[in-house]
Amino acid sequence: MKKKGLPYPTIEAIYNFLKKKKIYAYTADELANELHRPVSTVRSALRKLVSSKKIKFSIVDGKKYYYYVKK
């Protein structure tokens, strides 16, 4: 039985993409454009990555979330 709503390929793609970048942080929209995935899928994958503490995020100007991997 397939687990519903868990975008594992997207999670791996986002994590590997952010790991390759040194210092740069991305918003969810920028990641969706870079990886050619739907924004909603990218957002849910980012939530799962943040909750598992694999990536970090910071809030800029009180509205933009930037995601990155802390080295």
PDB file of N, CA and C in Angstrom:
ATOM      1  N   MET A   1       0.841  -1.184   0.000  1.00  0.00           N
ATOM      2  CA  MET A   1       0.000   0.000   0.000  1.00  0.00           C
ATOM      3  C   MET A   1       0.884   1.246   0.000  1.00  0.00           C
ATOM      4  N   LYS A   2       0.589   2.150  -0.894  1.00  0.00           N
ATOM      5  CA  LYS A   2       1.412   3.348  -1.036  1.00  0.00           C
ATOM      6  C   LYS A   2       1.047   4.378   0.027  1.00  0.00           C
ATOM      7  N   LYS A   3       2.078   4.966   0.633  1.00  0.00           N
ATOM      8  CA  LYS A   3       1.826   6.046   1.587  1.00  0.00           C
ATOM      9  C   LYS A   3       1.422   7.280   0.817  1.00  0.00           C
ATOM     10  N   LYS A   4       0.340   7.877   1.227  1.00  0.00           N
ATOM     11  CA  LYS A   4      -0.201   9.016   0.483  1.00  0.00           C
ATOM     12  C   LYS A   4       0.405  10.324   0.982  1.00  0.00           C
ATOM     13  N   GLY A   5       0.757  11.177   0.052  1.00  0.00           N
ATOM     14  CA  GLY A   5       1.176  12.520   0.406  1.00  0.00           C
ATOM     15  C   GLY A   5       2.621  12.670   0.849  1.00  0.00           C
ATOM     16  N   LEU A   6       3.436  11.644   0.673  1.00  0.00           N
ATOM     17  CA  LEU A   6       4.836  11.770   1.059  1.00  0.00           C
ATOM     18  C   LEU A   6       5.708  11.837  -0.197  1.00  0.00           C
ATOM     19  N   PRO A   7       6.160  13.017  -0.556  1.00  0.00           N
ATOM     20  CA  PRO A   7       6.921  13.174  -1.807  1.00  0.00           C
ATOM     21  C   PRO A   7       8.401  12.820  -1.623  1.00  0.00           C
ATOM     22  N   TYR A   8       8.705  11.521  -1.442  1.00  0.00           N
ATOM     23  CA  TYR A   8      10.081  11.111  -1.172  1.00  0.00           C
ATOM     24  C   TYR A   8      11.083  11.525  -2.246  1.00  0.00           C
ATOM     25  N   PRO A   9      10.792  11.359  -3.544  1.00  0.00           N
ATOM     26  CA  PRO A   9      11.778  11.800  -4.548  1.00  0.00           C
ATOM     27  C   PRO A   9      12.051  13.297  -4.462  1.00  0.00           C
ATOM     28  N   THR A  10      11.016  14.075  -4.180  1.00  0.00           N
ATOM     29  CA  THR A  10      11.192  15.526  -4.058  1.00  0.00           C
ATOM     30  C   THR A  10      12.009  15.854  -2.817  1.00  0.00           C
ATOM     31  N   ILE A  11      11.770  15.145  -1.715  1.00  0.00           N
ATOM     32  CA  ILE A  11      12.537  15.378  -0.492  1.00  0.00           C
ATOM     33  C   ILE A  11      14.021  15.133  -0.753  1.00  0.00           C
ATOM     34  N   GLU A  12      14.340  14.016  -1.405  1.00  0.00           N
ATOM     35  CA  GLU A  12      15.739  13.714  -1.698  1.00  0.00           C
ATOM     36  C   GLU A  12      16.332  14.730  -2.653  1.00  0.00           C
ATOM     37  N   ALA A  13      15.569  15.130  -3.662  1.00  0.00           N
ATOM     38  CA  ALA A  13      16.067  16.102  -4.638  1.00  0.00           C
ATOM     39  C   ALA A  13      16.367  17.442  -3.972  1.00  0.00           C
ATOM     40  N   ILE A  14      15.478  17.897  -3.108  1.00  0.00           N
ATOM     41  CA  ILE A  14      15.683  19.178  -2.417  1.00  0.00           C
ATOM     42  C   ILE A  14      16.900  19.091  -1.504  1.00  0.00           C
ATOM     43  N   TYR A  15      16.992  18.025  -0.731  1.00  0.00           N
ATOM     44  CA  TYR A  15      18.103  17.896   0.216  1.00  0.00           C
ATOM     45  C   TYR A  15      19.442  17.858  -0.516  1.00  0.00           C
ATOM     46  N   ASN A  16      19.529  17.069  -1.585  1.00  0.00           N
ATOM     47  CA  ASN A  16      20.777  16.981  -2.342  1.00  0.00           C
ATOM     48  C   ASN A  16      21.110  18.301  -3.012  1.00  0.00           C
ATOM     49  N   PHE A  17      20.100  18.992  -3.523  1.00  0.00           N
ATOM     50  CA  PHE A  17      20.316  20.284  -4.182  1.00  0.00           C
ATOM     51  C   PHE A  17      20.846  21.310  -3.189  1.00  0.00           C
ATOM     52  N   LEU A  18      20.229  21.385  -2.009  1.00  0.00           N
ATOM     53  CA  LEU A  18      20.667  22.351  -1.001  1.00  0.00           C
ATOM     54  C   LEU A  18      22.040  21.992  -0.426  1.00  0.00           C
ATOM     55  N   LYS A  19      22.343  20.692  -0.371  1.00  0.00           N
ATOM     56  CA  LYS A  19      23.644  20.271   0.139  1.00  0.00           C
ATOM     57  C   LYS A  19      24.775  20.704  -0.797  1.00  0.00           C
ATOM     58  N   LYS A  20      24.506  20.711  -2.097  1.00  0.00           N
ATOM     59  CA  LYS A  20      25.536  21.091  -3.070  1.00  0.00           C
ATOM     60  C   LYS A  20      25.856  22.575  -3.006  1.00  0.00           C
ATOM     61  N   LYS A  21      24.860  23.388  -2.695  1.00  0.00           N
ATOM     62  CA  LYS A  21      25.074  24.832  -2.617  1.00  0.00           C
ATOM     63  C   LYS A  21      25.778  25.152  -1.308  1.00  0.00           C
ATOM     64  N   LYS A  22      26.734  26.056  -1.356  1.00  0.00           N
ATOM     65  CA  LYS A  22      27.542  26.321  -0.160  1.00  0.00           C
ATOM     66  C   LYS A  22      26.807  27.169   0.869  1.00  0.00           C
ATOM     67  N   ILE A  23      26.484  28.402   0.529  1.00  0.00           N
ATOM     68  CA  ILE A  23      25.942  29.325   1.529  1.00  0.00           C
ATOM     69  C   ILE A  23      24.533  29.779   1.158  1.00  0.00           C
ATOM     70  N   TYR A  24      24.161  29.624  -0.092  1.00  0.00           N
ATOM     71  CA  TYR A  24      22.951  30.246  -0.600  1.00  0.00           C
ATOM     72  C   TYR A  24      21.693  29.606  -0.028  1.00  0.00           C
ATOM     73  N   ALA A  25      20.714  30.435   0.280  1.00  0.00           N
ATOM     74  CA  ALA A  25      19.419  29.950   0.769  1.00  0.00           C
ATOM     75  C   ALA A  25      18.365  30.205  -0.303  1.00  0.00           C
ATOM     76  N   TYR A  26      17.380  29.334  -0.381  1.00  0.00           N
ATOM     77  CA  TYR A  26      16.343  29.414  -1.403  1.00  0.00           C
ATOM     78  C   TYR A  26      14.967  29.530  -0.766  1.00  0.00           C
ATOM     79  N   THR A  27      14.053  30.211  -1.468  1.00  0.00           N
ATOM     80  CA  THR A  27      12.651  30.177  -1.059  1.00  0.00           C
ATOM     81  C   THR A  27      12.015  28.947  -1.700  1.00  0.00           C
ATOM     82  N   ALA A  28      10.805  28.618  -1.279  1.00  0.00           N
ATOM     83  CA  ALA A  28      10.110  27.459  -1.838  1.00  0.00           C
ATOM     84  C   ALA A  28       9.845  27.654  -3.332  1.00  0.00           C
ATOM     85  N   ASP A  29       9.485  28.880  -3.730  1.00  0.00           N
ATOM     86  CA  ASP A  29       9.217  29.147  -5.146  1.00  0.00           C
ATOM     87  C   ASP A  29      10.472  28.967  -5.992  1.00  0.00           C
ATOM     88  N   GLU A  30      11.604  29.450  -5.482  1.00  0.00           N
ATOM     89  CA  GLU A  30      12.863  29.306  -6.222  1.00  0.00           C
ATOM     90  C   GLU A  30      13.258  27.843  -6.348  1.00  0.00           C
ATOM     91  N   LEU A  31      13.067  27.075  -5.274  1.00  0.00           N
ATOM     92  CA  LEU A  31      13.382  25.647  -5.336  1.00  0.00           C
ATOM     93  C   LEU A  31      12.491  24.925  -6.335  1.00  0.00           C
ATOM     94  N   ALA A  32      11.208  25.288  -6.365  1.00  0.00           N
ATOM     95  CA  ALA A  32      10.285  24.661  -7.311  1.00  0.00           C
ATOM     96  C   ALA A  32      10.728  24.943  -8.747  1.00  0.00           C
ATOM     97  N   ASN A  33      11.163  26.177  -9.010  1.00  0.00           N
ATOM     98  CA  ASN A  33      11.644  26.515 -10.349  1.00  0.00           C
ATOM     99  C   ASN A  33      12.924  25.773 -10.693  1.00  0.00           C
ATOM    100  N   GLU A  34      13.853  25.702  -9.756  1.00  0.00           N
ATOM    101  CA  GLU A  34      15.137  25.036 -10.000  1.00  0.00           C
ATOM    102  C   GLU A  34      14.955  23.542 -10.261  1.00  0.00           C
ATOM    103  N   LEU A  35      14.057  22.911  -9.506  1.00  0.00           N
ATOM    104  CA  LEU A  35      13.889  21.459  -9.592  1.00  0.00           C
ATOM    105  C   LEU A  35      12.756  21.040 -10.525  1.00  0.00           C
ATOM    106  N   HIS A  36      12.057  22.012 -11.101  1.00  0.00           N
ATOM    107  CA  HIS A  36      10.937  21.744 -12.022  1.00  0.00           C
ATOM    108  C   HIS A  36       9.876  20.857 -11.375  1.00  0.00           C
ATOM    109  N   ARG A  37       9.459  21.239 -10.169  1.00  0.00           N
ATOM    110  CA  ARG A  37       8.414  20.517  -9.436  1.00  0.00           C
ATOM    111  C   ARG A  37       7.314  21.489  -9.056  1.00  0.00           C
ATOM    112  N   PRO A  38       6.113  20.989  -8.767  1.00  0.00           N
ATOM    113  CA  PRO A  38       5.028  21.881  -8.310  1.00  0.00           C
ATOM    114  C   PRO A  38       5.361  22.493  -6.949  1.00  0.00           C
ATOM    115  N   VAL A  39       4.944  23.734  -6.759  1.00  0.00           N
ATOM    116  CA  VAL A  39       5.263  24.459  -5.523  1.00  0.00           C
ATOM    117  C   VAL A  39       4.647  23.767  -4.310  1.00  0.00           C
ATOM    118  N   SER A  40       3.428  23.252  -4.442  1.00  0.00           N
ATOM    119  CA  SER A  40       2.775  22.604  -3.297  1.00  0.00           C
ATOM    120  C   SER A  40       3.553  21.364  -2.850  1.00  0.00           C
ATOM    121  N   THR A  41       4.069  20.591  -3.807  1.00  0.00           N
ATOM    122  CA  THR A  41       4.869  19.411  -3.474  1.00  0.00           C
ATOM    123  C   THR A  41       6.156  19.817  -2.781  1.00  0.00           C
ATOM    124  N   VAL A  42       6.784  20.872  -3.292  1.00  0.00           N
ATOM    125  CA  VAL A  42       8.034  21.359  -2.706  1.00  0.00           C
ATOM    126  C   VAL A  42       7.797  21.855  -1.285  1.00  0.00           C
ATOM    127  N   ARG A  43       6.690  22.572  -1.073  1.00  0.00           N
ATOM    128  CA  ARG A  43       6.400  23.083   0.274  1.00  0.00           C
ATOM    129  C   ARG A  43       6.197  21.945   1.276  1.00  0.00           C
ATOM    130  N   SER A  44       5.466  20.908   0.886  1.00  0.00           N
ATOM    131  CA  SER A  44       5.243  19.803   1.825  1.00  0.00           C
ATOM    132  C   SER A  44       6.548  19.048   2.082  1.00  0.00           C
ATOM    133  N   ALA A  45       7.383  18.916   1.060  1.00  0.00           N
ATOM    134  CA  ALA A  45       8.681  18.262   1.252  1.00  0.00           C
ATOM    135  C   ALA A  45       9.565  19.091   2.183  1.00  0.00           C
ATOM    136  N   LEU A  46       9.526  20.414   2.027  1.00  0.00           N
ATOM    137  CA  LEU A  46      10.313  21.291   2.902  1.00  0.00           C
ATOM    138  C   LEU A  46       9.850  21.183   4.349  1.00  0.00           C
ATOM    139  N   ARG A  47       8.527  21.095   4.551  1.00  0.00           N
ATOM    140  CA  ARG A  47       8.004  20.945   5.914  1.00  0.00           C
ATOM    141  C   ARG A  47       8.540  19.666   6.557  1.00  0.00           C
ATOM    142  N   LYS A  48       8.558  18.580   5.777  1.00  0.00           N
ATOM    143  CA  LYS A  48       9.045  17.312   6.312  1.00  0.00           C
ATOM    144  C   LYS A  48      10.541  17.373   6.614  1.00  0.00           C
ATOM    145  N   LEU A  49      11.298  18.037   5.742  1.00  0.00           N
ATOM    146  CA  LEU A  49      12.738  18.161   5.972  1.00  0.00           C
ATOM    147  C   LEU A  49      13.037  19.013   7.204  1.00  0.00           C
ATOM    148  N   VAL A  50      12.276  20.079   7.396  1.00  0.00           N
ATOM    149  CA  VAL A  50      12.488  20.943   8.563  1.00  0.00           C
ATOM    150  C   VAL A  50      12.109  20.198   9.838  1.00  0.00           C
ATOM    151  N   SER A  51      11.000  19.466   9.802  1.00  0.00           N
ATOM    152  CA  SER A  51      10.563  18.756  11.010  1.00  0.00           C
ATOM    153  C   SER A  51      11.533  17.633  11.382  1.00  0.00           C
ATOM    154  N   SER A  52      12.219  17.060  10.395  1.00  0.00           N
ATOM    155  CA  SER A  52      13.213  16.027  10.708  1.00  0.00           C
ATOM    156  C   SER A  52      14.586  16.632  10.984  1.00  0.00           C
ATOM    157  N   LYS A  53      14.660  17.965  10.999  1.00  0.00           N
ATOM    158  CA  LYS A  53      15.877  18.717  11.328  1.00  0.00           C
ATOM    159  C   LYS A  53      17.016  18.478  10.346  1.00  0.00           C
ATOM    160  N   LYS A  54      16.690  18.130   9.106  1.00  0.00           N
ATOM    161  CA  LYS A  54      17.732  17.967   8.092  1.00  0.00           C
ATOM    162  C   LYS A  54      18.114  19.304   7.481  1.00  0.00           C
ATOM    163  N   ILE A  55      17.151  20.227   7.399  1.00  0.00           N
ATOM    164  CA  ILE A  55      17.454  21.558   6.874  1.00  0.00           C
ATOM    165  C   ILE A  55      16.967  22.607   7.868  1.00  0.00           C
ATOM    166  N   LYS A  56      17.453  23.819   7.704  1.00  0.00           N
ATOM    167  CA  LYS A  56      17.057  24.943   8.565  1.00  0.00           C
ATOM    168  C   LYS A  56      16.348  25.976   7.704  1.00  0.00           C
ATOM    169  N   PHE A  57      15.655  26.900   8.363  1.00  0.00           N
ATOM    170  CA  PHE A  57      15.061  28.005   7.621  1.00  0.00           C
ATOM    171  C   PHE A  57      15.194  29.272   8.428  1.00  0.00           C
ATOM    172  N   SER A  58      15.188  30.388   7.728  1.00  0.00           N
ATOM    173  CA  SER A  58      15.175  31.681   8.405  1.00  0.00           C
ATOM    174  C   SER A  58      14.122  32.549   7.741  1.00  0.00           C
ATOM    175  N   ILE A  59      13.554  33.451   8.521  1.00  0.00           N
ATOM    176  CA  ILE A  59      12.489  34.323   8.026  1.00  0.00           C
ATOM    177  C   ILE A  59      13.076  35.712   7.803  1.00  0.00           C
ATOM    178  N   VAL A  60      12.880  36.234   6.599  1.00  0.00           N
ATOM    179  CA  VAL A  60      13.385  37.564   6.253  1.00  0.00           C
ATOM    180  C   VAL A  60      12.192  38.482   6.032  1.00  0.00           C
ATOM    181  N   ASP A  61      12.231  39.661   6.608  1.00  0.00           N
ATOM    182  CA  ASP A  61      11.164  40.662   6.488  1.00  0.00           C
ATOM    183  C   ASP A  61       9.824  40.157   7.017  1.00  0.00           C
ATOM    184  N   GLY A  62       9.832  39.137   7.842  1.00  0.00           N
ATOM    185  CA  GLY A  62       8.607  38.642   8.448  1.00  0.00           C
ATOM    186  C   GLY A  62       7.695  37.865   7.524  1.00  0.00           C
ATOM    187  N   LYS A  63       8.113  37.629   6.269  1.00  0.00           N
ATOM    188  CA  LYS A  63       7.214  36.909   5.364  1.00  0.00           C
ATOM    189  C   LYS A  63       7.912  35.904   4.457  1.00  0.00           C
ATOM    190  N   LYS A  64       9.166  36.115   4.113  1.00  0.00           N
ATOM    191  CA  LYS A  64       9.867  35.205   3.201  1.00  0.00           C
ATOM    192  C   LYS A  64      10.621  34.155   4.000  1.00  0.00           C
ATOM    193  N   TYR A  65      10.369  32.894   3.699  1.00  0.00           N
ATOM    194  CA  TYR A  65      11.081  31.799   4.340  1.00  0.00           C
ATOM    195  C   TYR A  65      12.208  31.356   3.416  1.00  0.00           C
ATOM    196  N   TYR A  66      13.423  31.348   3.926  1.00  0.00           N
ATOM    197  CA  TYR A  66      14.567  30.868   3.161  1.00  0.00           C
ATOM    198  C   TYR A  66      15.066  29.572   3.782  1.00  0.00           C
ATOM    199  N   TYR A  67      15.242  28.543   2.949  1.00  0.00           N
ATOM    200  CA  TYR A  67      15.647  27.225   3.419  1.00  0.00           C
ATOM    201  C   TYR A  67      17.086  26.951   3.015  1.00  0.00           C
ATOM    202  N   TYR A  68      17.837  26.296   3.905  1.00  0.00           N
ATOM    203  CA  TYR A  68      19.233  25.987   3.622  1.00  0.00           C
ATOM    204  C   TYR A  68      19.673  24.814   4.494  1.00  0.00           C
ATOM    205  N   VAL A  69      20.812  24.209   4.121  1.00  0.00           N
ATOM    206  CA  VAL A  69      21.404  23.144   4.914  1.00  0.00           C
ATOM    207  C   VAL A  69      22.554  23.752   5.689  1.00  0.00           C
ATOM    208  N   LYS A  70      22.515  23.607   7.000  1.00  0.00           N
ATOM    209  CA  LYS A  70      23.584  24.174   7.823  1.00  0.00           C
ATOM    210  C   LYS A  70      24.773  23.225   7.817  1.00  0.00           C
ATOM    211  N   LYS A  71      25.927  23.745   7.476  1.00  0.00           N
ATOM    212  CA  LYS A  71      27.131  22.911   7.388  1.00  0.00           C
ATOM    213  C   LYS A  71      27.871  22.934   8.701  1.00  0.00           C
TER     214      LYS A  71
END
